[in-house]
Amino acid sequence: FLAEAATNAGYDVRPRAGGRKQLAEA
């Protein structure tokens, strides 16, 4: 669910894509 919600919010949460770090900071 979180991966889907994060992707819908504009985060690229695939490993090493940078979105995980951005989500963590946000």
mmCIF file of all heavy atoms, coordinates in Angstrom:
data_MODEL
# 
_entry.id   MODEL 
# 
loop_
_atom_site.group_PDB 
_atom_site.id 
_atom_site.type_symbol 
_atom_site.label_atom_id 
_atom_site.label_alt_id 
_atom_site.label_comp_id 
_atom_site.label_asym_id 
_atom_site.label_entity_id 
_atom_site.label_seq_id 
_atom_site.pdbx_PDB_ins_code 
_atom_site.Cartn_x 
_atom_site.Cartn_y 
_atom_site.Cartn_z 
_atom_site.occupancy 
_atom_site.B_iso_or_equiv 
_atom_site.pdbx_formal_charge 
_atom_site.auth_seq_id 
_atom_site.auth_comp_id 
_atom_site.auth_asym_id 
_atom_site.auth_atom_id 
_atom_site.pdbx_PDB_model_num 
ATOM 1   N N   . PHE A 1 1  ? 0.829  -1.204 0.000   1.00 0.00 ? 1  PHE A N   1 
ATOM 2   C CA  . PHE A 1 1  ? 0.000  0.000  0.000   1.00 0.00 ? 1  PHE A CA  1 
ATOM 3   C C   . PHE A 1 1  ? 0.867  1.260  0.000   1.00 0.00 ? 1  PHE A C   1 
ATOM 4   O O   . PHE A 1 1  ? 0.635  2.189  -0.766  1.00 0.00 ? 1  PHE A O   1 
ATOM 5   C CB  . PHE A 1 1  ? -0.945 0.040  1.205   1.00 0.00 ? 1  PHE A CB  1 
ATOM 6   C CG  . PHE A 1 1  ? -1.528 1.408  1.396   1.00 0.00 ? 1  PHE A CG  1 
ATOM 7   C CD1 . PHE A 1 1  ? -2.528 1.868  0.566   1.00 0.00 ? 1  PHE A CD1 1 
ATOM 8   C CD2 . PHE A 1 1  ? -1.014 2.272  2.350   1.00 0.00 ? 1  PHE A CD2 1 
ATOM 9   C CE1 . PHE A 1 1  ? -3.033 3.151  0.689   1.00 0.00 ? 1  PHE A CE1 1 
ATOM 10  C CE2 . PHE A 1 1  ? -1.506 3.551  2.485   1.00 0.00 ? 1  PHE A CE2 1 
ATOM 11  C CZ  . PHE A 1 1  ? -2.522 3.995  1.654   1.00 0.00 ? 1  PHE A CZ  1 
ATOM 12  N N   . LEU A 1 2  ? 1.878  1.293  0.862   1.00 0.00 ? 2  LEU A N   1 
ATOM 13  C CA  . LEU A 1 2  ? 2.725  2.476  0.964   1.00 0.00 ? 2  LEU A CA  1 
ATOM 14  C C   . LEU A 1 2  ? 3.456  2.738  -0.349  1.00 0.00 ? 2  LEU A C   1 
ATOM 15  O O   . LEU A 1 2  ? 3.568  3.886  -0.779  1.00 0.00 ? 2  LEU A O   1 
ATOM 16  C CB  . LEU A 1 2  ? 3.718  2.350  2.120   1.00 0.00 ? 2  LEU A CB  1 
ATOM 17  C CG  . LEU A 1 2  ? 4.623  3.563  2.327   1.00 0.00 ? 2  LEU A CG  1 
ATOM 18  C CD1 . LEU A 1 2  ? 3.799  4.817  2.625   1.00 0.00 ? 2  LEU A CD1 1 
ATOM 19  C CD2 . LEU A 1 2  ? 5.612  3.294  3.444   1.00 0.00 ? 2  LEU A CD2 1 
ATOM 20  N N   . ALA A 1 3  ? 3.949  1.685  -0.984  1.00 0.00 ? 3  ALA A N   1 
ATOM 21  C CA  . ALA A 1 3  ? 4.637  1.857  -2.269  1.00 0.00 ? 3  ALA A CA  1 
ATOM 22  C C   . ALA A 1 3  ? 3.691  2.472  -3.302  1.00 0.00 ? 3  ALA A C   1 
ATOM 23  O O   . ALA A 1 3  ? 4.078  3.387  -4.043  1.00 0.00 ? 3  ALA A O   1 
ATOM 24  C CB  . ALA A 1 3  ? 5.175  0.518  -2.762  1.00 0.00 ? 3  ALA A CB  1 
ATOM 25  N N   . GLU A 1 4  ? 2.457  1.997  -3.342  1.00 0.00 ? 4  GLU A N   1 
ATOM 26  C CA  . GLU A 1 4  ? 1.471  2.544  -4.276  1.00 0.00 ? 4  GLU A CA  1 
ATOM 27  C C   . GLU A 1 4  ? 1.163  4.006  -3.952  1.00 0.00 ? 4  GLU A C   1 
ATOM 28  O O   . GLU A 1 4  ? 1.159  4.865  -4.840  1.00 0.00 ? 4  GLU A O   1 
ATOM 29  C CB  . GLU A 1 4  ? 0.186  1.717  -4.222  1.00 0.00 ? 4  GLU A CB  1 
ATOM 30  C CG  . GLU A 1 4  ? -0.920 2.232  -5.119  1.00 0.00 ? 4  GLU A CG  1 
ATOM 31  C CD  . GLU A 1 4  ? -2.213 1.468  -4.948  1.00 0.00 ? 4  GLU A CD  1 
ATOM 32  O OE1 . GLU A 1 4  ? -2.192 0.291  -4.536  1.00 0.00 ? 4  GLU A OE1 1 
ATOM 33  O OE2 . GLU A 1 4  ? -3.277 2.067  -5.217  1.00 0.00 ? 4  GLU A OE2 1 
ATOM 34  N N   . ALA A 1 5  ? 0.929  4.298  -2.663  1.00 0.00 ? 5  ALA A N   1 
ATOM 35  C CA  . ALA A 1 5  ? 0.612  5.668  -2.252  1.00 0.00 ? 5  ALA A CA  1 
ATOM 36  C C   . ALA A 1 5  ? 1.790  6.601  -2.529  1.00 0.00 ? 5  ALA A C   1 
ATOM 37  O O   . ALA A 1 5  ? 1.603  7.733  -2.991  1.00 0.00 ? 5  ALA A O   1 
ATOM 38  C CB  . ALA A 1 5  ? 0.233  5.707  -0.769  1.00 0.00 ? 5  ALA A CB  1 
ATOM 39  N N   . ALA A 1 6  ? 2.992  6.141  -2.252  1.00 0.00 ? 6  ALA A N   1 
ATOM 40  C CA  . ALA A 1 6  ? 4.187  6.965  -2.486  1.00 0.00 ? 6  ALA A CA  1 
ATOM 41  C C   . ALA A 1 6  ? 4.374  7.221  -3.978  1.00 0.00 ? 6  ALA A C   1 
ATOM 42  O O   . ALA A 1 6  ? 4.694  8.341  -4.387  1.00 0.00 ? 6  ALA A O   1 
ATOM 43  C CB  . ALA A 1 6  ? 5.423  6.288  -1.890  1.00 0.00 ? 6  ALA A CB  1 
ATOM 44  N N   . THR A 1 7  ? 4.169  6.199  -4.790  1.00 0.00 ? 7  THR A N   1 
ATOM 45  C CA  . THR A 1 7  ? 4.288  6.357  -6.245  1.00 0.00 ? 7  THR A CA  1 
ATOM 46  C C   . THR A 1 7  ? 3.255  7.354  -6.747  1.00 0.00 ? 7  THR A C   1 
ATOM 47  O O   . THR A 1 7  ? 3.578  8.241  -7.547  1.00 0.00 ? 7  THR A O   1 
ATOM 48  C CB  . THR A 1 7  ? 4.120  4.992  -6.950  1.00 0.00 ? 7  THR A CB  1 
ATOM 49  O OG1 . THR A 1 7  ? 5.165  4.125  -6.491  1.00 0.00 ? 7  THR A OG1 1 
ATOM 50  C CG2 . THR A 1 7  ? 4.211  5.137  -8.455  1.00 0.00 ? 7  THR A CG2 1 
ATOM 51  N N   . ASN A 1 8  ? 2.020  7.238  -6.244  1.00 0.00 ? 8  ASN A N   1 
ATOM 52  C CA  . ASN A 1 8  ? 0.963  8.184  -6.625  1.00 0.00 ? 8  ASN A CA  1 
ATOM 53  C C   . ASN A 1 8  ? 1.293  9.609  -6.189  1.00 0.00 ? 8  ASN A C   1 
ATOM 54  O O   . ASN A 1 8  ? 0.852  10.571 -6.812  1.00 0.00 ? 8  ASN A O   1 
ATOM 55  C CB  . ASN A 1 8  ? -0.385 7.761  -6.047  1.00 0.00 ? 8  ASN A CB  1 
ATOM 56  C CG  . ASN A 1 8  ? -0.919 6.499  -6.684  1.00 0.00 ? 8  ASN A CG  1 
ATOM 57  O OD1 . ASN A 1 8  ? -0.499 6.110  -7.776  1.00 0.00 ? 8  ASN A OD1 1 
ATOM 58  N ND2 . ASN A 1 8  ? -1.836 5.836  -6.002  1.00 0.00 ? 8  ASN A ND2 1 
ATOM 59  N N   . ALA A 1 9  ? 2.073  9.735  -5.127  1.00 0.00 ? 9  ALA A N   1 
ATOM 60  C CA  . ALA A 1 9  ? 2.464  11.058 -4.629  1.00 0.00 ? 9  ALA A CA  1 
ATOM 61  C C   . ALA A 1 9  ? 3.710  11.595 -5.341  1.00 0.00 ? 9  ALA A C   1 
ATOM 62  O O   . ALA A 1 9  ? 4.176  12.688 -5.039  1.00 0.00 ? 9  ALA A O   1 
ATOM 63  C CB  . ALA A 1 9  ? 2.714  10.991 -3.125  1.00 0.00 ? 9  ALA A CB  1 
ATOM 64  N N   . GLY A 1 10 ? 4.268  10.804 -6.284  1.00 0.00 ? 10 GLY A N   1 
ATOM 65  C CA  . GLY A 1 10 ? 5.395  11.285 -7.072  1.00 0.00 ? 10 GLY A CA  1 
ATOM 66  C C   . GLY A 1 10 ? 6.762  10.788 -6.653  1.00 0.00 ? 10 GLY A C   1 
ATOM 67  O O   . GLY A 1 10 ? 7.774  11.244 -7.175  1.00 0.00 ? 10 GLY A O   1 
ATOM 68  N N   . TYR A 1 11 ? 6.821  9.857  -5.713  1.00 0.00 ? 11 TYR A N   1 
ATOM 69  C CA  . TYR A 1 11 ? 8.101  9.299  -5.275  1.00 0.00 ? 11 TYR A CA  1 
ATOM 70  C C   . TYR A 1 11 ? 8.411  8.054  -6.104  1.00 0.00 ? 11 TYR A C   1 
ATOM 71  O O   . TYR A 1 11 ? 7.552  7.191  -6.265  1.00 0.00 ? 11 TYR A O   1 
ATOM 72  C CB  . TYR A 1 11 ? 8.064  8.896  -3.797  1.00 0.00 ? 11 TYR A CB  1 
ATOM 73  C CG  . TYR A 1 11 ? 7.829  10.038 -2.851  1.00 0.00 ? 11 TYR A CG  1 
ATOM 74  C CD1 . TYR A 1 11 ? 6.556  10.290 -2.342  1.00 0.00 ? 11 TYR A CD1 1 
ATOM 75  C CD2 . TYR A 1 11 ? 8.874  10.865 -2.450  1.00 0.00 ? 11 TYR A CD2 1 
ATOM 76  C CE1 . TYR A 1 11 ? 6.334  11.333 -1.455  1.00 0.00 ? 11 TYR A CE1 1 
ATOM 77  C CE2 . TYR A 1 11 ? 8.659  11.907 -1.567  1.00 0.00 ? 11 TYR A CE2 1 
ATOM 78  C CZ  . TYR A 1 11 ? 7.387  12.142 -1.081  1.00 0.00 ? 11 TYR A CZ  1 
ATOM 79  O OH  . TYR A 1 11 ? 7.163  13.167 -0.204  1.00 0.00 ? 11 TYR A OH  1 
ATOM 80  N N   . ASP A 1 12 ? 9.616  7.952  -6.610  1.00 0.00 ? 12 ASP A N   1 
ATOM 81  C CA  . ASP A 1 12 ? 10.067 6.748  -7.293  1.00 0.00 ? 12 ASP A CA  1 
ATOM 82  C C   . ASP A 1 12 ? 10.739 5.882  -6.237  1.00 0.00 ? 12 ASP A C   1 
ATOM 83  O O   . ASP A 1 12 ? 11.905 6.081  -5.898  1.00 0.00 ? 12 ASP A O   1 
ATOM 84  C CB  . ASP A 1 12 ? 11.048 7.076  -8.423  1.00 0.00 ? 12 ASP A CB  1 
ATOM 85  C CG  . ASP A 1 12 ? 11.439 5.846  -9.231  1.00 0.00 ? 12 ASP A CG  1 
ATOM 86  O OD1 . ASP A 1 12 ? 11.146 4.706  -8.789  1.00 0.00 ? 12 ASP A OD1 1 
ATOM 87  O OD2 . ASP A 1 12 ? 12.053 6.029  -10.297 1.00 0.00 ? 12 ASP A OD2 1 
ATOM 88  N N   . VAL A 1 13 ? 9.982  4.936  -5.675  1.00 0.00 ? 13 VAL A N   1 
ATOM 89  C CA  . VAL A 1 13 ? 10.460 4.175  -4.522  1.00 0.00 ? 13 VAL A CA  1 
ATOM 90  C C   . VAL A 1 13 ? 11.132 2.857  -4.899  1.00 0.00 ? 13 VAL A C   1 
ATOM 91  O O   . VAL A 1 13 ? 11.399 2.030  -4.028  1.00 0.00 ? 13 VAL A O   1 
ATOM 92  C CB  . VAL A 1 13 ? 9.320  3.924  -3.500  1.00 0.00 ? 13 VAL A CB  1 
ATOM 93  C CG1 . VAL A 1 13 ? 8.880  5.234  -2.883  1.00 0.00 ? 13 VAL A CG1 1 
ATOM 94  C CG2 . VAL A 1 13 ? 8.156  3.181  -4.127  1.00 0.00 ? 13 VAL A CG2 1 
ATOM 95  N N   . ARG A 1 14 ? 11.439 2.696  -6.173  1.00 0.00 ? 14 ARG A N   1 
ATOM 96  C CA  . ARG A 1 14 ? 12.214 1.517  -6.545  1.00 0.00 ? 14 ARG A CA  1 
ATOM 97  C C   . ARG A 1 14 ? 13.586 1.630  -5.882  1.00 0.00 ? 14 ARG A C   1 
ATOM 98  O O   . ARG A 1 14 ? 14.106 2.731  -5.701  1.00 0.00 ? 14 ARG A O   1 
ATOM 99  C CB  . ARG A 1 14 ? 12.369 1.435  -8.067  1.00 0.00 ? 14 ARG A CB  1 
ATOM 100 C CG  . ARG A 1 14 ? 11.058 1.171  -8.794  1.00 0.00 ? 14 ARG A CG  1 
ATOM 101 C CD  . ARG A 1 14 ? 11.251 1.239  -10.275 1.00 0.00 ? 14 ARG A CD  1 
ATOM 102 N NE  . ARG A 1 14 ? 11.693 2.620  -10.610 1.00 0.00 ? 14 ARG A NE  1 
ATOM 103 C CZ  . ARG A 1 14 ? 12.145 2.981  -11.793 1.00 0.00 ? 14 ARG A CZ  1 
ATOM 104 N NH1 . ARG A 1 14 ? 12.227 2.106  -12.784 1.00 0.00 ? 14 ARG A NH1 1 
ATOM 105 N NH2 . ARG A 1 14 ? 12.514 4.229  -12.022 1.00 0.00 ? 14 ARG A NH2 1 
ATOM 106 N N   . PRO A 1 15 ? 14.180 0.496  -5.511  1.00 0.00 ? 15 PRO A N   1 
ATOM 107 C CA  . PRO A 1 15 ? 15.508 0.551  -4.883  1.00 0.00 ? 15 PRO A CA  1 
ATOM 108 C C   . PRO A 1 15 ? 16.493 1.366  -5.725  1.00 0.00 ? 15 PRO A C   1 
ATOM 109 O O   . PRO A 1 15 ? 16.528 1.251  -6.945  1.00 0.00 ? 15 PRO A O   1 
ATOM 110 C CB  . PRO A 1 15 ? 15.923 -0.925 -4.800  1.00 0.00 ? 15 PRO A CB  1 
ATOM 111 C CG  . PRO A 1 15 ? 14.617 -1.659 -4.732  1.00 0.00 ? 15 PRO A CG  1 
ATOM 112 C CD  . PRO A 1 15 ? 13.679 -0.874 -5.623  1.00 0.00 ? 15 PRO A CD  1 
ATOM 113 N N   . ARG A 1 16 ? 17.249 2.204  -5.073  1.00 0.00 ? 16 ARG A N   1 
ATOM 114 C CA  . ARG A 1 16 ? 18.300 3.050  -5.659  1.00 0.00 ? 16 ARG A CA  1 
ATOM 115 C C   . ARG A 1 16 ? 17.788 4.080  -6.658  1.00 0.00 ? 16 ARG A C   1 
ATOM 116 O O   . ARG A 1 16 ? 18.560 4.598  -7.464  1.00 0.00 ? 16 ARG A O   1 
ATOM 117 C CB  . ARG A 1 16 ? 19.409 2.187  -6.271  1.00 0.00 ? 16 ARG A CB  1 
ATOM 118 C CG  . ARG A 1 16 ? 20.187 1.410  -5.218  1.00 0.00 ? 16 ARG A CG  1 
ATOM 119 C CD  . ARG A 1 16 ? 21.213 0.478  -5.791  1.00 0.00 ? 16 ARG A CD  1 
ATOM 120 N NE  . ARG A 1 16 ? 20.681 -0.705 -6.450  1.00 0.00 ? 16 ARG A NE  1 
ATOM 121 C CZ  . ARG A 1 16 ? 20.123 -1.750 -5.839  1.00 0.00 ? 16 ARG A CZ  1 
ATOM 122 N NH1 . ARG A 1 16 ? 20.009 -1.754 -4.549  1.00 0.00 ? 16 ARG A NH1 1 
ATOM 123 N NH2 . ARG A 1 16 ? 19.696 -2.790 -6.525  1.00 0.00 ? 16 ARG A NH2 1 
ATOM 124 N N   . ALA A 1 17 ? 16.500 4.407  -6.622  1.00 0.00 ? 17 ALA A N   1 
ATOM 125 C CA  . ALA A 1 17 ? 15.964 5.411  -7.543  1.00 0.00 ? 17 ALA A CA  1 
ATOM 126 C C   . ALA A 1 17 ? 15.914 6.805  -6.912  1.00 0.00 ? 17 ALA A C   1 
ATOM 127 O O   . ALA A 1 17 ? 15.631 7.778  -7.599  1.00 0.00 ? 17 ALA A O   1 
ATOM 128 C CB  . ALA A 1 17 ? 14.565 5.011  -8.011  1.00 0.00 ? 17 ALA A CB  1 
ATOM 129 N N   . GLY A 1 18 ? 16.162 6.896  -5.613  1.00 0.00 ? 18 GLY A N   1 
ATOM 130 C CA  . GLY A 1 18 ? 16.188 8.195  -4.940  1.00 0.00 ? 18 GLY A CA  1 
ATOM 131 C C   . GLY A 1 18 ? 14.911 8.569  -4.217  1.00 0.00 ? 18 GLY A C   1 
ATOM 132 O O   . GLY A 1 18 ? 14.920 9.408  -3.324  1.00 0.00 ? 18 GLY A O   1 
ATOM 133 N N   . GLY A 1 19 ? 13.802 7.957  -4.597  1.00 0.00 ? 19 GLY A N   1 
ATOM 134 C CA  . GLY A 1 19 ? 12.524 8.306  -3.980  1.00 0.00 ? 19 GLY A CA  1 
ATOM 135 C C   . GLY A 1 19 ? 12.379 7.846  -2.550  1.00 0.00 ? 19 GLY A C   1 
ATOM 136 O O   . GLY A 1 19 ? 11.685 8.478  -1.753  1.00 0.00 ? 19 GLY A O   1 
ATOM 137 N N   . ARG A 1 20 ? 13.048 6.771  -2.199  1.00 0.00 ? 20 ARG A N   1 
ATOM 138 C CA  . ARG A 1 20 ? 12.975 6.286  -0.811  1.00 0.00 ? 20 ARG A CA  1 
ATOM 139 C C   . ARG A 1 20 ? 13.606 7.304  0.136   1.00 0.00 ? 20 ARG A C   1 
ATOM 140 O O   . ARG A 1 20 ? 13.050 7.602  1.198   1.00 0.00 ? 20 ARG A O   1 
ATOM 141 C CB  . ARG A 1 20 ? 13.664 4.927  -0.673  1.00 0.00 ? 20 ARG A CB  1 
ATOM 142 C CG  . ARG A 1 20 ? 12.892 3.824  -1.363  1.00 0.00 ? 20 ARG A CG  1 
ATOM 143 C CD  . ARG A 1 20 ? 13.584 2.481  -1.304  1.00 0.00 ? 20 ARG A CD  1 
ATOM 144 N NE  . ARG A 1 20 ? 12.757 1.488  -1.968  1.00 0.00 ? 20 ARG A NE  1 
ATOM 145 C CZ  . ARG A 1 20 ? 12.582 0.257  -1.519  1.00 0.00 ? 20 ARG A CZ  1 
ATOM 146 N NH1 . ARG A 1 20 ? 13.204 -0.160 -0.434  1.00 0.00 ? 20 ARG A NH1 1 
ATOM 147 N NH2 . ARG A 1 20 ? 11.798 -0.581 -2.167  1.00 0.00 ? 20 ARG A NH2 1 
ATOM 148 N N   . LYS A 1 21 ? 14.743 7.843  -0.275  1.00 0.00 ? 21 LYS A N   1 
ATOM 149 C CA  . LYS A 1 21 ? 15.409 8.851  0.552   1.00 0.00 ? 21 LYS A CA  1 
ATOM 150 C C   . LYS A 1 21 ? 14.552 10.113 0.639   1.00 0.00 ? 21 LYS A C   1 
ATOM 151 O O   . LYS A 1 21 ? 14.399 10.708 1.708   1.00 0.00 ? 21 LYS A O   1 
ATOM 152 C CB  . LYS A 1 21 ? 16.782 9.183  -0.019  1.00 0.00 ? 21 LYS A CB  1 
ATOM 153 C CG  . LYS A 1 21 ? 17.541 10.181 0.826   1.00 0.00 ? 21 LYS A CG  1 
ATOM 154 C CD  . LYS A 1 21 ? 18.915 10.460 0.275   1.00 0.00 ? 21 LYS A CD  1 
ATOM 155 C CE  . LYS A 1 21 ? 19.619 11.475 1.159   1.00 0.00 ? 21 LYS A CE  1 
ATOM 156 N NZ  . LYS A 1 21 ? 20.866 11.927 0.586   1.00 0.00 ? 21 LYS A NZ  1 
ATOM 157 N N   . GLN A 1 22 ? 13.954 10.521 -0.469  1.00 0.00 ? 22 GLN A N   1 
ATOM 158 C CA  . GLN A 1 22 ? 13.086 11.701 -0.475  1.00 0.00 ? 22 GLN A CA  1 
ATOM 159 C C   . GLN A 1 22 ? 11.877 11.484 0.431   1.00 0.00 ? 22 GLN A C   1 
ATOM 160 O O   . GLN A 1 22 ? 11.495 12.379 1.188   1.00 0.00 ? 22 GLN A O   1 
ATOM 161 C CB  . GLN A 1 22 ? 12.620 12.018 -1.896  1.00 0.00 ? 22 GLN A CB  1 
ATOM 162 C CG  . GLN A 1 22 ? 13.715 12.479 -2.808  1.00 0.00 ? 22 GLN A CG  1 
ATOM 163 C CD  . GLN A 1 22 ? 13.259 12.545 -4.267  1.00 0.00 ? 22 GLN A CD  1 
ATOM 164 O OE1 . GLN A 1 22 ? 12.283 11.909 -4.660  1.00 0.00 ? 22 GLN A OE1 1 
ATOM 165 N NE2 . GLN A 1 22 ? 13.976 13.328 -5.064  1.00 0.00 ? 22 GLN A NE2 1 
ATOM 166 N N   . LEU A 1 23 ? 11.279 10.304 0.358   1.00 0.00 ? 23 LEU A N   1 
ATOM 167 C CA  . LEU A 1 23 ? 10.133 9.990  1.208   1.00 0.00 ? 23 LEU A CA  1 
ATOM 168 C C   . LEU A 1 23 ? 10.547 9.998  2.678   1.00 0.00 ? 23 LEU A C   1 
ATOM 169 O O   . LEU A 1 23 ? 9.840  10.539 3.526   1.00 0.00 ? 23 LEU A O   1 
ATOM 170 C CB  . LEU A 1 23 ? 9.535  8.639  0.822   1.00 0.00 ? 23 LEU A CB  1 
ATOM 171 C CG  . LEU A 1 23 ? 8.365  8.137  1.667   1.00 0.00 ? 23 LEU A CG  1 
ATOM 172 C CD1 . LEU A 1 23 ? 7.209  9.132  1.660   1.00 0.00 ? 23 LEU A CD1 1 
ATOM 173 C CD2 . LEU A 1 23 ? 7.903  6.769  1.166   1.00 0.00 ? 23 LEU A CD2 1 
ATOM 174 N N   . ALA A 1 24 ? 11.704 9.427  2.967   1.00 0.00 ? 24 ALA A N   1 
ATOM 175 C CA  . ALA A 1 24 ? 12.198 9.402  4.345   1.00 0.00 ? 24 ALA A CA  1 
ATOM 176 C C   . ALA A 1 24 ? 12.367 10.825 4.877   1.00 0.00 ? 24 ALA A C   1 
ATOM 177 O O   . ALA A 1 24 ? 11.949 11.136 5.999   1.00 0.00 ? 24 ALA A O   1 
ATOM 178 C CB  . ALA A 1 24 ? 13.525 8.646  4.414   1.00 0.00 ? 24 ALA A CB  1 
ATOM 179 N N   . GLU A 1 25 ? 12.951 11.699 4.072   1.00 0.00 ? 25 GLU A N   1 
ATOM 180 C CA  . GLU A 1 25 ? 13.146 13.087 4.491   1.00 0.00 ? 25 GLU A CA  1 
ATOM 181 C C   . GLU A 1 25 ? 11.815 13.790 4.691   1.00 0.00 ? 25 GLU A C   1 
ATOM 182 O O   . GLU A 1 25 ? 11.619 14.523 5.664   1.00 0.00 ? 25 GLU A O   1 
ATOM 183 C CB  . GLU A 1 25 ? 14.009 13.820 3.474   1.00 0.00 ? 25 GLU A CB  1 
ATOM 184 C CG  . GLU A 1 25 ? 15.450 13.354 3.479   1.00 0.00 ? 25 GLU A CG  1 
ATOM 185 C CD  . GLU A 1 25 ? 16.278 13.906 2.323   1.00 0.00 ? 25 GLU A CD  1 
ATOM 186 O OE1 . GLU A 1 25 ? 15.730 14.629 1.462   1.00 0.00 ? 25 GLU A OE1 1 
ATOM 187 O OE2 . GLU A 1 25 ? 17.481 13.586 2.277   1.00 0.00 ? 25 GLU A OE2 1 
ATOM 188 N N   . ALA A 1 26 ? 10.868 13.571 3.772   1.00 0.00 ? 26 ALA A N   1 
ATOM 189 C CA  . ALA A 1 26 ? 9.561  14.222 3.877   1.00 0.00 ? 26 ALA A CA  1 
ATOM 190 C C   . ALA A 1 26 ? 8.796  13.761 5.106   1.00 0.00 ? 26 ALA A C   1 
ATOM 191 O O   . ALA A 1 26 ? 8.062  14.539 5.719   1.00 0.00 ? 26 ALA A O   1 
ATOM 192 C CB  . ALA A 1 26 ? 8.734  13.946 2.617   1.00 0.00 ? 26 ALA A CB  1 
# 
